[in-house]
Amino acid sequence: MNALNVGLTGLLANSSVTSLKMDTSYQYYHDGSKVLNDFLANTVTLAELHVYCSSDCSSDRSLDSVFEALATNRTVKRLTLRKFSVKDMKPFRQLLDVNKILEDVSFYASPTPG
């Protein structure tokens, strides 16, 4: 189990966490997407989610699991996304169509190559 899995599993037991900052770099995302989905589906206190990508995320779909989980989440009202490729915009728009809880969304895309 990687650090993301351990951290999110531990946070489920903590009823006072209201803000989470996480890195969805390739190695974390592919190993931790189920735990991330479970966490975002079951948290009752999380109000802010700040997601960033510390490595090159222009070639993967790091946000897919985040968007899927947020589609059914009813507590997160503030979402900040940093350093992602513009190709992530379609799932992002789909999330905004489904989730009516989000009140404050910030999106900072990475520059597109070329």
N, C-alpha and C. Protein backbone atom coordinates (compact mmCIF):
# COMPACT_ATOMS: atom_id res chain seq x y z
N MET A 1 0.85 -1.18 0.00
CA MET A 1 0.00 0.00 0.00
C MET A 1 0.90 1.24 0.00
N ASN A 2 0.64 2.17 -0.92
CA ASN A 2 1.49 3.35 -0.99
C ASN A 2 1.05 4.42 0.01
N ALA A 3 1.81 5.49 0.06
CA ALA A 3 1.56 6.55 1.04
C ALA A 3 0.19 7.20 0.86
N LEU A 4 -0.25 7.36 -0.38
CA LEU A 4 -1.57 7.96 -0.62
C LEU A 4 -2.67 7.09 -0.03
N ASN A 5 -2.59 5.78 -0.25
CA ASN A 5 -3.59 4.86 0.31
C ASN A 5 -3.61 4.92 1.83
N VAL A 6 -2.43 4.87 2.43
CA VAL A 6 -2.33 4.90 3.89
C VAL A 6 -2.90 6.21 4.43
N GLY A 7 -2.52 7.31 3.81
CA GLY A 7 -2.98 8.62 4.27
C GLY A 7 -4.49 8.78 4.17
N LEU A 8 -5.06 8.42 3.03
CA LEU A 8 -6.50 8.58 2.85
C LEU A 8 -7.29 7.63 3.74
N THR A 9 -6.79 6.41 3.91
CA THR A 9 -7.45 5.45 4.79
C THR A 9 -7.46 5.99 6.22
N GLY A 10 -6.35 6.56 6.66
CA GLY A 10 -6.29 7.15 7.99
C GLY A 10 -7.20 8.34 8.15
N LEU A 11 -7.33 9.15 7.10
CA LEU A 11 -8.19 10.34 7.18
C LEU A 11 -9.66 9.99 7.29
N LEU A 12 -10.07 8.85 6.77
CA LEU A 12 -11.47 8.46 6.88
C LEU A 12 -11.92 8.35 8.33
N ALA A 13 -10.99 7.95 9.19
CA ALA A 13 -11.32 7.80 10.61
C ALA A 13 -11.29 9.13 11.36
N ASN A 14 -10.77 10.18 10.73
CA ASN A 14 -10.66 11.48 11.38
C ASN A 14 -11.85 12.34 10.97
N SER A 15 -12.67 12.70 11.91
CA SER A 15 -13.89 13.44 11.58
C SER A 15 -13.73 14.95 11.60
N SER A 16 -12.50 15.44 11.74
CA SER A 16 -12.33 16.89 11.81
C SER A 16 -11.56 17.48 10.63
N VAL A 17 -11.13 16.68 9.68
CA VAL A 17 -10.37 17.18 8.53
C VAL A 17 -11.32 17.92 7.58
N THR A 18 -11.02 19.19 7.32
CA THR A 18 -11.87 19.98 6.44
C THR A 18 -11.18 20.39 5.15
N SER A 19 -9.85 20.21 5.08
CA SER A 19 -9.10 20.60 3.90
C SER A 19 -8.03 19.55 3.58
N LEU A 20 -7.89 19.23 2.31
CA LEU A 20 -6.91 18.23 1.89
C LEU A 20 -6.14 18.76 0.69
N LYS A 21 -4.81 18.68 0.76
CA LYS A 21 -3.94 19.01 -0.37
C LYS A 21 -3.29 17.71 -0.80
N MET A 22 -3.37 17.38 -2.09
CA MET A 22 -2.80 16.12 -2.54
C MET A 22 -2.18 16.23 -3.91
N ASP A 23 -1.22 15.36 -4.15
CA ASP A 23 -0.49 15.27 -5.41
C ASP A 23 -1.03 14.07 -6.17
N THR A 24 -1.47 14.27 -7.40
CA THR A 24 -1.98 13.16 -8.19
C THR A 24 -1.00 12.76 -9.29
N SER A 25 0.28 12.88 -9.01
CA SER A 25 1.28 12.45 -9.98
C SER A 25 1.04 10.98 -10.35
N TYR A 26 1.52 10.62 -11.49
CA TYR A 26 1.27 9.30 -12.07
C TYR A 26 1.39 8.15 -11.09
N GLN A 27 2.48 8.09 -10.36
CA GLN A 27 2.71 6.93 -9.48
C GLN A 27 1.69 6.86 -8.35
N TYR A 28 1.20 7.98 -7.88
CA TYR A 28 0.21 7.97 -6.80
C TYR A 28 -1.18 7.67 -7.34
N TYR A 29 -1.52 8.32 -8.43
CA TYR A 29 -2.85 8.21 -9.01
C TYR A 29 -3.20 6.78 -9.38
N HIS A 30 -2.31 6.10 -10.06
CA HIS A 30 -2.63 4.76 -10.53
C HIS A 30 -2.72 3.75 -9.39
N ASP A 31 -2.04 3.97 -8.31
CA ASP A 31 -2.10 3.05 -7.18
C ASP A 31 -3.20 3.42 -6.19
N GLY A 32 -3.63 4.65 -6.20
CA GLY A 32 -4.52 5.11 -5.15
C GLY A 32 -5.91 5.53 -5.57
N SER A 33 -6.30 5.30 -6.82
CA SER A 33 -7.57 5.83 -7.29
C SER A 33 -8.78 5.23 -6.57
N LYS A 34 -8.76 3.94 -6.24
CA LYS A 34 -9.89 3.34 -5.53
C LYS A 34 -10.01 3.92 -4.12
N VAL A 35 -8.89 4.05 -3.45
CA VAL A 35 -8.91 4.61 -2.10
C VAL A 35 -9.37 6.07 -2.15
N LEU A 36 -8.92 6.81 -3.15
CA LEU A 36 -9.35 8.20 -3.31
C LEU A 36 -10.86 8.27 -3.52
N ASN A 37 -11.38 7.43 -4.40
CA ASN A 37 -12.83 7.40 -4.64
C ASN A 37 -13.59 7.09 -3.36
N ASP A 38 -13.11 6.08 -2.62
CA ASP A 38 -13.76 5.71 -1.36
C ASP A 38 -13.72 6.86 -0.36
N PHE A 39 -12.56 7.51 -0.28
CA PHE A 39 -12.42 8.63 0.66
C PHE A 39 -13.39 9.76 0.33
N LEU A 40 -13.40 10.20 -0.92
CA LEU A 40 -14.25 11.32 -1.30
C LEU A 40 -15.74 10.96 -1.24
N ALA A 41 -16.05 9.68 -1.42
CA ALA A 41 -17.45 9.24 -1.33
C ALA A 41 -17.93 9.17 0.12
N ASN A 42 -17.01 8.95 1.06
CA ASN A 42 -17.41 8.71 2.45
C ASN A 42 -17.08 9.84 3.43
N THR A 43 -16.28 10.81 3.02
CA THR A 43 -15.95 11.89 3.95
C THR A 43 -17.19 12.75 4.23
N VAL A 44 -17.33 13.18 5.46
CA VAL A 44 -18.48 14.02 5.80
C VAL A 44 -18.05 15.42 6.23
N THR A 45 -16.75 15.66 6.34
CA THR A 45 -16.28 16.96 6.81
C THR A 45 -15.45 17.73 5.80
N LEU A 46 -14.94 17.08 4.77
CA LEU A 46 -14.03 17.74 3.84
C LEU A 46 -14.75 18.82 3.04
N ALA A 47 -14.28 20.04 3.15
CA ALA A 47 -14.90 21.17 2.45
C ALA A 47 -14.01 21.72 1.35
N GLU A 48 -12.69 21.49 1.44
CA GLU A 48 -11.75 22.02 0.46
C GLU A 48 -10.84 20.91 -0.05
N LEU A 49 -10.66 20.87 -1.35
CA LEU A 49 -9.74 19.91 -1.96
C LEU A 49 -8.82 20.67 -2.90
N HIS A 50 -7.52 20.57 -2.63
CA HIS A 50 -6.50 21.22 -3.45
C HIS A 50 -5.67 20.11 -4.09
N VAL A 51 -5.74 20.01 -5.41
CA VAL A 51 -5.08 18.93 -6.13
C VAL A 51 -4.02 19.53 -7.04
N TYR A 52 -2.83 18.95 -7.02
CA TYR A 52 -1.78 19.41 -7.91
C TYR A 52 -1.01 18.21 -8.45
N CYS A 53 -0.23 18.47 -9.45
CA CYS A 53 0.59 17.43 -10.07
C CYS A 53 2.04 17.88 -10.03
N SER A 54 2.87 17.14 -9.30
CA SER A 54 4.26 17.56 -9.12
C SER A 54 5.17 17.12 -10.27
N SER A 55 4.72 16.17 -11.06
CA SER A 55 5.54 15.72 -12.19
C SER A 55 4.82 16.06 -13.49
N ASP A 56 5.32 15.55 -14.60
CA ASP A 56 4.72 15.82 -15.90
C ASP A 56 3.38 15.10 -16.01
N CYS A 57 2.31 15.84 -15.95
CA CYS A 57 0.97 15.25 -16.03
C CYS A 57 0.32 15.52 -17.38
N SER A 58 1.11 15.90 -18.36
CA SER A 58 0.54 16.18 -19.67
C SER A 58 0.25 14.91 -20.45
N SER A 59 0.81 13.78 -20.01
CA SER A 59 0.62 12.55 -20.77
C SER A 59 -0.30 11.54 -20.10
N ASP A 60 -0.85 11.86 -18.95
CA ASP A 60 -1.76 10.92 -18.30
C ASP A 60 -3.05 11.62 -17.91
N ARG A 61 -3.98 10.87 -17.42
CA ARG A 61 -5.30 11.39 -17.05
C ARG A 61 -5.44 11.41 -15.53
N SER A 62 -4.55 12.10 -14.86
CA SER A 62 -4.48 12.09 -13.40
C SER A 62 -5.76 12.52 -12.71
N LEU A 63 -6.53 13.36 -13.35
CA LEU A 63 -7.71 13.89 -12.68
C LEU A 63 -8.96 13.04 -12.83
N ASP A 64 -8.95 12.02 -13.66
CA ASP A 64 -10.16 11.24 -13.89
C ASP A 64 -10.77 10.70 -12.59
N SER A 65 -9.95 10.12 -11.74
CA SER A 65 -10.46 9.57 -10.48
C SER A 65 -10.97 10.67 -9.56
N VAL A 66 -10.28 11.79 -9.54
CA VAL A 66 -10.72 12.91 -8.71
C VAL A 66 -12.10 13.39 -9.18
N PHE A 67 -12.27 13.56 -10.48
CA PHE A 67 -13.54 14.03 -11.01
C PHE A 67 -14.66 13.03 -10.78
N GLU A 68 -14.37 11.74 -10.97
CA GLU A 68 -15.38 10.70 -10.73
C GLU A 68 -15.84 10.73 -9.28
N ALA A 69 -14.90 10.82 -8.37
CA ALA A 69 -15.24 10.82 -6.95
C ALA A 69 -16.00 12.09 -6.56
N LEU A 70 -15.61 13.21 -7.10
CA LEU A 70 -16.28 14.47 -6.76
C LEU A 70 -17.68 14.57 -7.34
N ALA A 71 -17.96 13.79 -8.37
CA ALA A 71 -19.29 13.82 -8.98
C ALA A 71 -20.38 13.45 -7.97
N THR A 72 -20.05 12.60 -7.01
CA THR A 72 -21.04 12.17 -6.02
C THR A 72 -20.77 12.75 -4.63
N ASN A 73 -19.68 13.47 -4.47
CA ASN A 73 -19.35 14.04 -3.16
C ASN A 73 -20.29 15.20 -2.85
N ARG A 74 -20.73 15.28 -1.59
CA ARG A 74 -21.67 16.33 -1.19
C ARG A 74 -21.12 17.27 -0.13
N THR A 75 -19.80 17.25 0.09
CA THR A 75 -19.24 18.13 1.11
C THR A 75 -18.22 19.13 0.57
N VAL A 76 -17.51 18.79 -0.48
CA VAL A 76 -16.45 19.66 -1.00
C VAL A 76 -17.07 20.84 -1.75
N LYS A 77 -16.81 22.04 -1.23
CA LYS A 77 -17.35 23.25 -1.84
C LYS A 77 -16.28 24.07 -2.54
N ARG A 78 -15.02 23.81 -2.21
CA ARG A 78 -13.92 24.57 -2.81
C ARG A 78 -12.93 23.59 -3.43
N LEU A 79 -12.65 23.79 -4.70
CA LEU A 79 -11.76 22.90 -5.45
C LEU A 79 -10.70 23.74 -6.15
N THR A 80 -9.44 23.39 -5.92
CA THR A 80 -8.33 24.06 -6.60
C THR A 80 -7.52 23.01 -7.34
N LEU A 81 -7.31 23.23 -8.63
CA LEU A 81 -6.53 22.31 -9.46
C LEU A 81 -5.34 23.07 -10.02
N ARG A 82 -4.15 22.50 -9.87
CA ARG A 82 -2.93 23.17 -10.33
C ARG A 82 -2.08 22.24 -11.18
N LYS A 83 -1.48 22.83 -12.21
CA LYS A 83 -0.48 22.17 -13.04
C LYS A 83 -1.01 20.96 -13.80
N PHE A 84 -2.12 21.11 -14.48
CA PHE A 84 -2.65 20.03 -15.29
C PHE A 84 -2.74 20.45 -16.74
N SER A 85 -2.73 19.47 -17.61
CA SER A 85 -2.82 19.70 -19.03
C SER A 85 -4.23 20.16 -19.40
N VAL A 86 -4.32 20.93 -20.47
CA VAL A 86 -5.61 21.42 -20.94
C VAL A 86 -6.52 20.28 -21.38
N LYS A 87 -5.96 19.13 -21.74
CA LYS A 87 -6.80 18.01 -22.17
C LYS A 87 -7.68 17.50 -21.03
N ASP A 88 -7.44 17.92 -19.82
CA ASP A 88 -8.27 17.54 -18.69
C ASP A 88 -9.55 18.37 -18.60
N MET A 89 -9.75 19.31 -19.50
CA MET A 89 -10.90 20.21 -19.41
C MET A 89 -12.24 19.51 -19.66
N LYS A 90 -12.29 18.52 -20.54
CA LYS A 90 -13.57 17.86 -20.82
C LYS A 90 -14.14 17.17 -19.57
N PRO A 91 -13.37 16.32 -18.87
CA PRO A 91 -13.89 15.74 -17.64
C PRO A 91 -14.20 16.80 -16.58
N PHE A 92 -13.43 17.87 -16.58
CA PHE A 92 -13.67 18.97 -15.64
C PHE A 92 -15.03 19.60 -15.89
N ARG A 93 -15.35 19.87 -17.15
CA ARG A 93 -16.66 20.44 -17.49
C ARG A 93 -17.78 19.47 -17.14
N GLN A 94 -17.55 18.17 -17.36
CA GLN A 94 -18.56 17.17 -17.01
C GLN A 94 -18.81 17.17 -15.50
N LEU A 95 -17.75 17.32 -14.72
CA LEU A 95 -17.91 17.39 -13.27
C LEU A 95 -18.79 18.58 -12.89
N LEU A 96 -18.54 19.73 -13.48
CA LEU A 96 -19.31 20.92 -13.15
C LEU A 96 -20.78 20.78 -13.55
N ASP A 97 -21.05 19.99 -14.59
CA ASP A 97 -22.44 19.74 -14.98
C ASP A 97 -23.18 18.89 -13.96
N VAL A 98 -22.47 17.98 -13.30
CA VAL A 98 -23.09 17.02 -12.38
C VAL A 98 -23.11 17.53 -10.94
N ASN A 99 -22.00 18.08 -10.46
CA ASN A 99 -21.87 18.46 -9.06
C ASN A 99 -22.34 19.90 -8.87
N LYS A 100 -23.42 20.07 -8.13
CA LYS A 100 -23.96 21.41 -7.88
C LYS A 100 -23.58 21.94 -6.50
N ILE A 101 -22.73 21.21 -5.78
CA ILE A 101 -22.28 21.62 -4.45
C ILE A 101 -21.10 22.59 -4.53
N LEU A 102 -20.24 22.40 -5.53
CA LEU A 102 -19.05 23.24 -5.67
C LEU A 102 -19.43 24.71 -5.81
N GLU A 103 -18.82 25.54 -4.98
CA GLU A 103 -19.08 26.98 -5.01
C GLU A 103 -17.89 27.78 -5.51
N ASP A 104 -16.70 27.28 -5.26
CA ASP A 104 -15.47 28.02 -5.59
C ASP A 104 -14.51 27.06 -6.28
N VAL A 105 -14.26 27.29 -7.56
CA VAL A 105 -13.38 26.41 -8.33
C VAL A 105 -12.28 27.25 -8.96
N SER A 106 -11.03 26.84 -8.74
CA SER A 106 -9.88 27.50 -9.37
C SER A 106 -9.14 26.45 -10.18
N PHE A 107 -8.79 26.81 -11.40
CA PHE A 107 -8.10 25.88 -12.29
C PHE A 107 -6.89 26.57 -12.88
N TYR A 108 -5.72 26.05 -12.59
CA TYR A 108 -4.47 26.61 -13.11
C TYR A 108 -3.83 25.54 -13.98
N ALA A 109 -3.96 25.67 -15.29
CA ALA A 109 -3.46 24.66 -16.22
C ALA A 109 -1.97 24.84 -16.48
N SER A 110 -1.34 23.74 -16.85
CA SER A 110 0.05 23.79 -17.29
C SER A 110 0.08 24.33 -18.71
N PRO A 111 1.17 24.96 -19.08
CA PRO A 111 1.30 25.37 -20.48
C PRO A 111 1.31 24.15 -21.38
N THR A 112 0.68 24.25 -22.53
CA THR A 112 0.68 23.12 -23.45
C THR A 112 1.99 23.09 -24.21
N PRO A 113 2.57 21.89 -24.40
CA PRO A 113 3.84 21.79 -25.12
C PRO A 113 3.70 22.24 -26.57
N GLY A 114 4.78 22.81 -27.10
CA GLY A 114 4.83 23.17 -28.51
C GLY A 114 4.18 24.47 -28.75
